[in-house]
Amino acid sequence: MNIFKSFRFISPLEIEGKALNILQEMKKTSHYQPEFPLDASCVAEFLGLDVVWDTIPSDSQGKIAARILPLEKLIEINEDIPQLKEGFGESTIAHEIGHWVLHINQEEVDRSLRMLNKGINIQVPPLLCRSEDQLEGIEWQAQYFASCLLMPQFILINNVKNVDLTKWKNLYKLAEKFGVTISNLTHRLKNLGWININQKTRQITYGKSIPAGIISGINV
């Protein structure tokens, strides 16, 4: 069996459910109570993963933003890419956690580690991540997982009641509150169907899926 799972369609609902399950399991512990803005490194530690910032050499395809070494249970973030800081850094770590949860067969990782402990030489290539510019397939899935983990719906709802989401200044305040980039936040709100953004004018309007009660008291 391969450590890397074959690609399959995973619905947004299923991805969101997996992120919520992790947060619920963390709530059962005394040391890993999730607080927001969420520390993605804390989530990684809860899952038995180490996170390090290090230099990752480029390869023939260009720069590598981050990678997972499955048998080491290690997430490496490229410290030589300045953009991978603050909110984007949290998103990158959460993105890699998404790959670990969605795309790596953890039972096979444990089996391979048992074989290594018995002296059987096993080599597994790292899972590489490059850029947010081309999010499709497993990269889209991992990034959607990251947004669900860092901005769960139930936490978002509690923080946006009576906040005018059609004002950019309010969105920037929310992004700062959640410790994410404005791009992370707007993609999350658009994916939920809460807002629409005109790509030409940058005007924001409410989406059809905005939960009842969020915009009560707001003149729109």
C-alpha atoms as a PDB file:
ATOM      1  CA  MET A   1       0.000   0.000   0.000  1.00  0.00           C
ATOM      2  CA  ASN A   2       1.263   3.478  -0.876  1.00  0.00           C
ATOM      3  CA  ILE A   3       1.878   6.066   1.831  1.00  0.00           C
ATOM      4  CA  PHE A   4       0.410   8.701  -0.492  1.00  0.00           C
ATOM      5  CA  LYS A   5      -3.284   8.173  -1.144  1.00  0.00           C
ATOM      6  CA  SER A   6      -4.591   8.104  -4.694  1.00  0.00           C
ATOM      7  CA  PHE A   7      -6.387  11.287  -5.633  1.00  0.00           C
ATOM      8  CA  ARG A   8     -10.141  11.283  -5.119  1.00  0.00           C
ATOM      9  CA  PHE A   9     -12.810  13.928  -5.003  1.00  0.00           C
ATOM     10  CA  ILE A  10     -13.435  15.082  -1.447  1.00  0.00           C
ATOM     11  CA  SER A  11     -16.439  17.310  -0.923  1.00  0.00           C
ATOM     12  CA  PRO A  12     -16.069  20.615   0.928  1.00  0.00           C
ATOM     13  CA  LEU A  13     -18.475  19.274   3.550  1.00  0.00           C
ATOM     14  CA  GLU A  14     -16.286  16.232   4.204  1.00  0.00           C
ATOM     15  CA  ILE A  15     -13.158  18.387   4.414  1.00  0.00           C
ATOM     16  CA  GLU A  16     -14.850  20.753   6.842  1.00  0.00           C
ATOM     17  CA  GLY A  17     -15.979  17.791   8.930  1.00  0.00           C
ATOM     18  CA  LYS A  18     -12.428  16.471   9.237  1.00  0.00           C
ATOM     19  CA  ALA A  19     -11.165  19.878  10.385  1.00  0.00           C
ATOM     20  CA  LEU A  20     -13.963  20.146  12.947  1.00  0.00           C
ATOM     21  CA  ASN A  21     -13.254  16.642  14.241  1.00  0.00           C
ATOM     22  CA  ILE A  22      -9.677  17.664  15.036  1.00  0.00           C
ATOM     23  CA  LEU A  23     -10.845  20.761  16.903  1.00  0.00           C
ATOM     24  CA  GLN A  24     -13.360  18.667  18.845  1.00  0.00           C
ATOM     25  CA  GLU A  25     -10.693  16.132  19.798  1.00  0.00           C
ATOM     26  CA  MET A  26      -8.404  18.938  20.916  1.00  0.00           C
ATOM     27  CA  LYS A  27     -11.175  20.236  23.187  1.00  0.00           C
ATOM     28  CA  LYS A  28     -11.083  16.928  25.082  1.00  0.00           C
ATOM     29  CA  THR A  29      -7.503  17.556  26.206  1.00  0.00           C
ATOM     30  CA  SER A  30      -6.119  19.812  28.897  1.00  0.00           C
ATOM     31  CA  HIS A  31      -3.070  21.015  26.946  1.00  0.00           C
ATOM     32  CA  TYR A  32      -4.489  21.544  23.454  1.00  0.00           C
ATOM     33  CA  GLN A  33      -7.638  23.593  23.959  1.00  0.00           C
ATOM     34  CA  PRO A  34      -8.150  25.430  20.632  1.00  0.00           C
ATOM     35  CA  GLU A  35      -8.134  29.198  20.946  1.00  0.00           C
ATOM     36  CA  PHE A  36      -8.522  31.719  18.148  1.00  0.00           C
ATOM     37  CA  PRO A  37      -6.537  33.001  16.396  1.00  0.00           C
ATOM     38  CA  LEU A  38      -5.521  29.380  16.128  1.00  0.00           C
ATOM     39  CA  ASP A  39      -1.875  28.382  16.496  1.00  0.00           C
ATOM     40  CA  ALA A  40      -1.487  25.885  13.644  1.00  0.00           C
ATOM     41  CA  SER A  41       1.773  24.578  15.138  1.00  0.00           C
ATOM     42  CA  CYS A  42      -0.199  23.547  18.226  1.00  0.00           C
ATOM     43  CA  VAL A  43      -2.568  21.555  16.019  1.00  0.00           C
ATOM     44  CA  ALA A  44       0.394  19.883  14.332  1.00  0.00           C
ATOM     45  CA  GLU A  45       1.854  18.952  17.712  1.00  0.00           C
ATOM     46  CA  PHE A  46      -1.503  17.512  18.779  1.00  0.00           C
ATOM     47  CA  LEU A  47      -1.403  15.292  15.683  1.00  0.00           C
ATOM     48  CA  GLY A  48       2.141  14.138  16.456  1.00  0.00           C
ATOM     49  CA  LEU A  49       3.818  16.319  13.834  1.00  0.00           C
ATOM     50  CA  ASP A  50       6.861  18.541  14.268  1.00  0.00           C
ATOM     51  CA  VAL A  51       7.101  21.885  12.465  1.00  0.00           C
ATOM     52  CA  VAL A  52      10.430  23.492  11.599  1.00  0.00           C
ATOM     53  CA  TRP A  53      11.434  26.548   9.595  1.00  0.00           C
ATOM     54  CA  ASP A  54      14.449  25.761   7.467  1.00  0.00           C
ATOM     55  CA  THR A  55      16.035  26.379   4.092  1.00  0.00           C
ATOM     56  CA  ILE A  56      14.507  24.129   1.436  1.00  0.00           C
ATOM     57  CA  PRO A  57      16.582  24.092  -1.756  1.00  0.00           C
ATOM     58  CA  SER A  58      14.788  24.766  -5.015  1.00  0.00           C
ATOM     59  CA  ASP A  59      14.544  21.973  -7.558  1.00  0.00           C
ATOM     60  CA  SER A  60      14.158  21.912 -11.333  1.00  0.00           C
ATOM     61  CA  GLN A  61      10.559  23.135 -11.001  1.00  0.00           C
ATOM     62  CA  GLY A  62      11.428  26.138  -8.846  1.00  0.00           C
ATOM     63  CA  LYS A  63      10.947  27.172  -5.239  1.00  0.00           C
ATOM     64  CA  ILE A  64       9.415  24.854  -2.672  1.00  0.00           C
ATOM     65  CA  ALA A  65       7.283  26.628  -0.074  1.00  0.00           C
ATOM     66  CA  ALA A  66       6.942  23.670   2.260  1.00  0.00           C
ATOM     67  CA  ARG A  67       7.172  19.900   2.419  1.00  0.00           C
ATOM     68  CA  ILE A  68       6.135  16.956   4.547  1.00  0.00           C
ATOM     69  CA  LEU A  69       8.556  14.152   5.398  1.00  0.00           C
ATOM     70  CA  PRO A  70       6.047  11.392   6.235  1.00  0.00           C
ATOM     71  CA  LEU A  71       8.328   8.936   8.063  1.00  0.00           C
ATOM     72  CA  GLU A  72       9.842  11.736  10.143  1.00  0.00           C
ATOM     73  CA  LYS A  73       6.336  13.125  10.781  1.00  0.00           C
ATOM     74  CA  LEU A  74       7.852  16.485   9.993  1.00  0.00           C
ATOM     75  CA  ILE A  75       6.536  19.648   8.330  1.00  0.00           C
ATOM     76  CA  GLU A  76       9.240  21.916   6.949  1.00  0.00           C
ATOM     77  CA  ILE A  77       8.470  25.525   5.999  1.00  0.00           C
ATOM     78  CA  ASN A  78      10.924  27.368   3.776  1.00  0.00           C
ATOM     79  CA  GLU A  79      12.294  30.264   5.833  1.00  0.00           C
ATOM     80  CA  ASP A  80      13.882  31.760   2.706  1.00  0.00           C
ATOM     81  CA  ILE A  81      10.465  32.793   1.347  1.00  0.00           C
ATOM     82  CA  PRO A  82       9.577  36.075   3.114  1.00  0.00           C
ATOM     83  CA  GLN A  83       5.861  35.752   2.314  1.00  0.00           C
ATOM     84  CA  LEU A  84       5.601  32.710   4.578  1.00  0.00           C
ATOM     85  CA  LYS A  85       5.212  34.775   7.709  1.00  0.00           C
ATOM     86  CA  GLU A  86       2.440  35.817  10.053  1.00  0.00           C
ATOM     87  CA  GLY A  87      -1.026  35.007   8.642  1.00  0.00           C
ATOM     88  CA  PHE A  88       0.347  33.320   5.546  1.00  0.00           C
ATOM     89  CA  GLY A  89       2.637  31.229   7.724  1.00  0.00           C
ATOM     90  CA  GLU A  90      -0.286  29.937   9.772  1.00  0.00           C
ATOM     91  CA  SER A  91      -2.133  29.152   6.566  1.00  0.00           C
ATOM     92  CA  THR A  92       0.903  27.289   5.206  1.00  0.00           C
ATOM     93  CA  ILE A  93       1.234  25.120   8.309  1.00  0.00           C
ATOM     94  CA  ALA A  94      -2.519  24.449   8.312  1.00  0.00           C
ATOM     95  CA  HIS A  95      -2.267  23.624   4.592  1.00  0.00           C
ATOM     96  CA  GLU A  96       0.407  21.008   5.309  1.00  0.00           C
ATOM     97  CA  ILE A  97      -1.724  19.569   8.101  1.00  0.00           C
ATOM     98  CA  GLY A  98      -4.469  19.276   5.491  1.00  0.00           C
ATOM     99  CA  HIS A  99      -2.167  17.179   3.313  1.00  0.00           C
ATOM    100  CA  TRP A 100      -1.302  14.994   6.307  1.00  0.00           C
ATOM    101  CA  VAL A 101      -4.963  14.401   7.151  1.00  0.00           C
ATOM    102  CA  LEU A 102      -6.350  14.096   3.628  1.00  0.00           C
ATOM    103  CA  HIS A 103      -3.578  12.692   1.470  1.00  0.00           C
ATOM    104  CA  ILE A 104      -1.203  10.623   3.582  1.00  0.00           C
ATOM    105  CA  ASN A 105      -2.085   7.110   4.715  1.00  0.00           C
ATOM    106  CA  GLN A 106      -1.140   7.312   8.362  1.00  0.00           C
ATOM    107  CA  GLU A 107      -1.636   3.594   8.969  1.00  0.00           C
ATOM    108  CA  GLU A 108       0.899   2.924   6.232  1.00  0.00           C
ATOM    109  CA  VAL A 109       3.264   5.461   7.795  1.00  0.00           C
ATOM    110  CA  ASP A 110       3.102   3.577  11.083  1.00  0.00           C
ATOM    111  CA  ARG A 111       3.610   0.232   9.317  1.00  0.00           C
ATOM    112  CA  SER A 112       6.637   1.595   7.484  1.00  0.00           C
ATOM    113  CA  LEU A 113       8.090   2.906  10.746  1.00  0.00           C
ATOM    114  CA  ARG A 114       7.739  -0.532  12.306  1.00  0.00           C
ATOM    115  CA  MET A 115       9.619  -1.999   9.359  1.00  0.00           C
ATOM    116  CA  LEU A 116      12.343   0.630   9.729  1.00  0.00           C
ATOM    117  CA  ASN A 117      12.712  -0.281  13.380  1.00  0.00           C
ATOM    118  CA  LYS A 118      13.346  -3.869  12.281  1.00  0.00           C
ATOM    119  CA  GLY A 119      16.155  -2.758  10.007  1.00  0.00           C
ATOM    120  CA  ILE A 120      14.264  -2.814   6.710  1.00  0.00           C
ATOM    121  CA  ASN A 121      15.407   0.091   4.547  1.00  0.00           C
ATOM    122  CA  ILE A 122      12.440   2.154   3.387  1.00  0.00           C
ATOM    123  CA  GLN A 123      12.671   5.456   1.566  1.00  0.00           C
ATOM    124  CA  VAL A 124       9.699   7.724   1.029  1.00  0.00           C
ATOM    125  CA  PRO A 125       9.935  10.971  -0.955  1.00  0.00           C
ATOM    126  CA  PRO A 126       8.610  14.152   0.653  1.00  0.00           C
ATOM    127  CA  LEU A 127       5.295  15.675  -0.310  1.00  0.00           C
ATOM    128  CA  LEU A 128       6.152  19.057  -1.829  1.00  0.00           C
ATOM    129  CA  CYS A 129       4.109  22.259  -1.853  1.00  0.00           C
ATOM    130  CA  ARG A 130       5.084  25.194  -4.006  1.00  0.00           C
ATOM    131  CA  SER A 131       2.671  28.098  -4.272  1.00  0.00           C
ATOM    132  CA  GLU A 132      -0.898  29.205  -3.624  1.00  0.00           C
ATOM    133  CA  ASP A 133      -1.047  30.553  -7.166  1.00  0.00           C
ATOM    134  CA  GLN A 134      -2.124  27.226  -8.664  1.00  0.00           C
ATOM    135  CA  LEU A 135      -4.622  25.651  -6.296  1.00  0.00           C
ATOM    136  CA  GLU A 136      -6.263  22.626  -7.844  1.00  0.00           C
ATOM    137  CA  GLY A 137      -6.630  18.955  -7.005  1.00  0.00           C
ATOM    138  CA  ILE A 138      -5.001  18.020  -3.719  1.00  0.00           C
ATOM    139  CA  GLU A 139      -3.647  21.556  -3.290  1.00  0.00           C
ATOM    140  CA  TRP A 140      -7.155  23.016  -3.326  1.00  0.00           C
ATOM    141  CA  GLN A 141      -8.297  20.361  -0.869  1.00  0.00           C
ATOM    142  CA  ALA A 142      -5.437  21.102   1.527  1.00  0.00           C
ATOM    143  CA  GLN A 143      -6.037  24.848   1.324  1.00  0.00           C
ATOM    144  CA  TYR A 144      -9.761  24.426   1.915  1.00  0.00           C
ATOM    145  CA  PHE A 145      -8.942  22.298   4.950  1.00  0.00           C
ATOM    146  CA  ALA A 146      -6.637  25.072   6.192  1.00  0.00           C
ATOM    147  CA  SER A 147      -9.391  27.675   5.923  1.00  0.00           C
ATOM    148  CA  CYS A 148     -11.853  25.406   7.748  1.00  0.00           C
ATOM    149  CA  LEU A 149      -9.330  24.770  10.512  1.00  0.00           C
ATOM    150  CA  LEU A 150      -8.311  28.405  11.012  1.00  0.00           C
ATOM    151  CA  MET A 151     -11.802  29.851  10.462  1.00  0.00           C
ATOM    152  CA  PRO A 152     -14.493  27.336  11.507  1.00  0.00           C
ATOM    153  CA  GLN A 153     -18.006  28.387  10.598  1.00  0.00           C
ATOM    154  CA  PHE A 154     -19.258  28.459  14.186  1.00  0.00           C
ATOM    155  CA  ILE A 155     -16.400  30.762  15.216  1.00  0.00           C
ATOM    156  CA  LEU A 156     -16.909  32.970  12.158  1.00  0.00           C
ATOM    157  CA  ILE A 157     -20.617  33.339  12.877  1.00  0.00           C
ATOM    158  CA  ASN A 158     -19.903  34.499  16.421  1.00  0.00           C
ATOM    159  CA  ASN A 159     -17.459  37.115  15.125  1.00  0.00           C
ATOM    160  CA  VAL A 160     -19.376  38.575  12.201  1.00  0.00           C
ATOM    161  CA  LYS A 161     -22.789  39.208  13.723  1.00  0.00           C
ATOM    162  CA  ASN A 162     -23.778  42.792  12.958  1.00  0.00           C
ATOM    163  CA  VAL A 163     -20.448  43.359  11.183  1.00  0.00           C
ATOM    164  CA  ASP A 164     -20.882  44.825   7.712  1.00  0.00           C
ATOM    165  CA  LEU A 165     -18.999  42.319   5.551  1.00  0.00           C
ATOM    166  CA  THR A 166     -19.355  44.550   2.492  1.00  0.00           C
ATOM    167  CA  LYS A 167     -16.764  46.975   3.923  1.00  0.00           C
ATOM    168  CA  TRP A 168     -13.115  46.185   3.246  1.00  0.00           C
ATOM    169  CA  LYS A 169     -11.974  47.817   6.494  1.00  0.00           C
ATOM    170  CA  ASN A 170     -14.136  45.363   8.444  1.00  0.00           C
ATOM    171  CA  LEU A 171     -12.738  42.408   6.533  1.00  0.00           C
ATOM    172  CA  TYR A 172      -9.178  43.511   7.270  1.00  0.00           C
ATOM    173  CA  LYS A 173     -10.036  43.706  10.976  1.00  0.00           C
ATOM    174  CA  LEU A 174     -11.507  40.201  10.842  1.00  0.00           C
ATOM    175  CA  ALA A 175      -8.450  38.839   9.046  1.00  0.00           C
ATOM    176  CA  GLU A 176      -6.229  40.295  11.749  1.00  0.00           C
ATOM    177  CA  LYS A 177      -8.476  38.865  14.443  1.00  0.00           C
ATOM    178  CA  PHE A 178      -8.176  35.371  12.976  1.00  0.00           C
ATOM    179  CA  GLY A 179      -4.455  35.701  12.269  1.00  0.00           C
ATOM    180  CA  VAL A 180      -4.890  35.075   8.541  1.00  0.00           C
ATOM    181  CA  THR A 181      -4.315  37.083   5.382  1.00  0.00           C
ATOM    182  CA  ILE A 182      -7.090  39.086   3.777  1.00  0.00           C
ATOM    183  CA  SER A 183      -6.920  36.647   0.860  1.00  0.00           C
ATOM    184  CA  ASN A 184      -7.463  33.697   3.221  1.00  0.00           C
ATOM    185  CA  LEU A 185     -10.482  35.393   4.760  1.00  0.00           C
ATOM    186  CA  THR A 186     -12.163  36.518   1.547  1.00  0.00           C
ATOM    187  CA  HIS A 187     -11.716  33.104  -0.072  1.00  0.00           C
ATOM    188  CA  ARG A 188     -13.281  31.505   2.990  1.00  0.00           C
ATOM    189  CA  LEU A 189     -16.266  33.861   2.977  1.00  0.00           C
ATOM    190  CA  LYS A 190     -16.739  33.430  -0.774  1.00  0.00           C
ATOM    191  CA  ASN A 191     -16.540  29.630  -0.526  1.00  0.00           C
ATOM    192  CA  LEU A 192     -19.194  29.729   2.183  1.00  0.00           C
ATOM    193  CA  GLY A 193     -21.385  31.842  -0.099  1.00  0.00           C
ATOM    194  CA  TRP A 194     -21.512  34.693   2.408  1.00  0.00           C
ATOM    195  CA  ILE A 195     -20.045  37.358   0.120  1.00  0.00           C
ATOM    196  CA  ASN A 196     -19.378  38.057  -3.543  1.00  0.00           C
ATOM    197  CA  ILE A 197     -16.565  40.292  -4.801  1.00  0.00           C
ATOM    198  CA  ASN A 198     -16.678  41.998  -8.187  1.00  0.00           C
ATOM    199  CA  GLN A 199     -13.234  41.335  -9.651  1.00  0.00           C
ATOM    200  CA  LYS A 200     -13.223  44.603 -11.618  1.00  0.00           C
ATOM    201  CA  THR A 201     -14.614  47.078  -9.087  1.00  0.00           C
ATOM    202  CA  ARG A 202     -13.675  45.149  -5.899  1.00  0.00           C
ATOM    203  CA  GLN A 203     -17.183  45.937  -4.642  1.00  0.00           C
ATOM    204  CA  ILE A 204     -18.458  43.447  -2.067  1.00  0.00           C
ATOM    205  CA  THR A 205     -22.054  42.263  -1.875  1.00  0.00           C
ATOM    206  CA  TYR A 206     -23.697  39.680   0.345  1.00  0.00           C
ATOM    207  CA  GLY A 207     -24.077  36.149  -0.993  1.00  0.00           C
ATOM    208  CA  LYS A 208     -27.206  34.041  -0.997  1.00  0.00           C
ATOM    209  CA  SER A 209     -25.918  31.658   1.694  1.00  0.00           C
ATOM    210  CA  ILE A 210     -25.346  34.242   4.417  1.00  0.00           C
ATOM    211  CA  PRO A 211     -26.841  32.751   7.634  1.00  0.00           C
ATOM    212  CA  ALA A 212     -29.964  34.390   8.982  1.00  0.00           C
ATOM    213  CA  GLY A 213     -29.284  36.870  11.754  1.00  0.00           C
ATOM    214  CA  ILE A 214     -25.731  37.799  10.745  1.00  0.00           C
ATOM    215  CA  ILE A 215     -26.719  41.022   9.012  1.00  0.00           C
ATOM    216  CA  SER A 216     -29.588  42.019  11.298  1.00  0.00           C
ATOM    217  CA  GLY A 217     -29.204  45.613  12.326  1.00  0.00           C
ATOM    218  CA  ILE A 218     -26.958  46.469   9.371  1.00  0.00           C
ATOM    219  CA  ASN A 219     -28.088  48.850   6.666  1.00  0.00           C
ATOM    220  CA  VAL A 220     -27.179  47.201   3.347  1.00  0.00           C
END
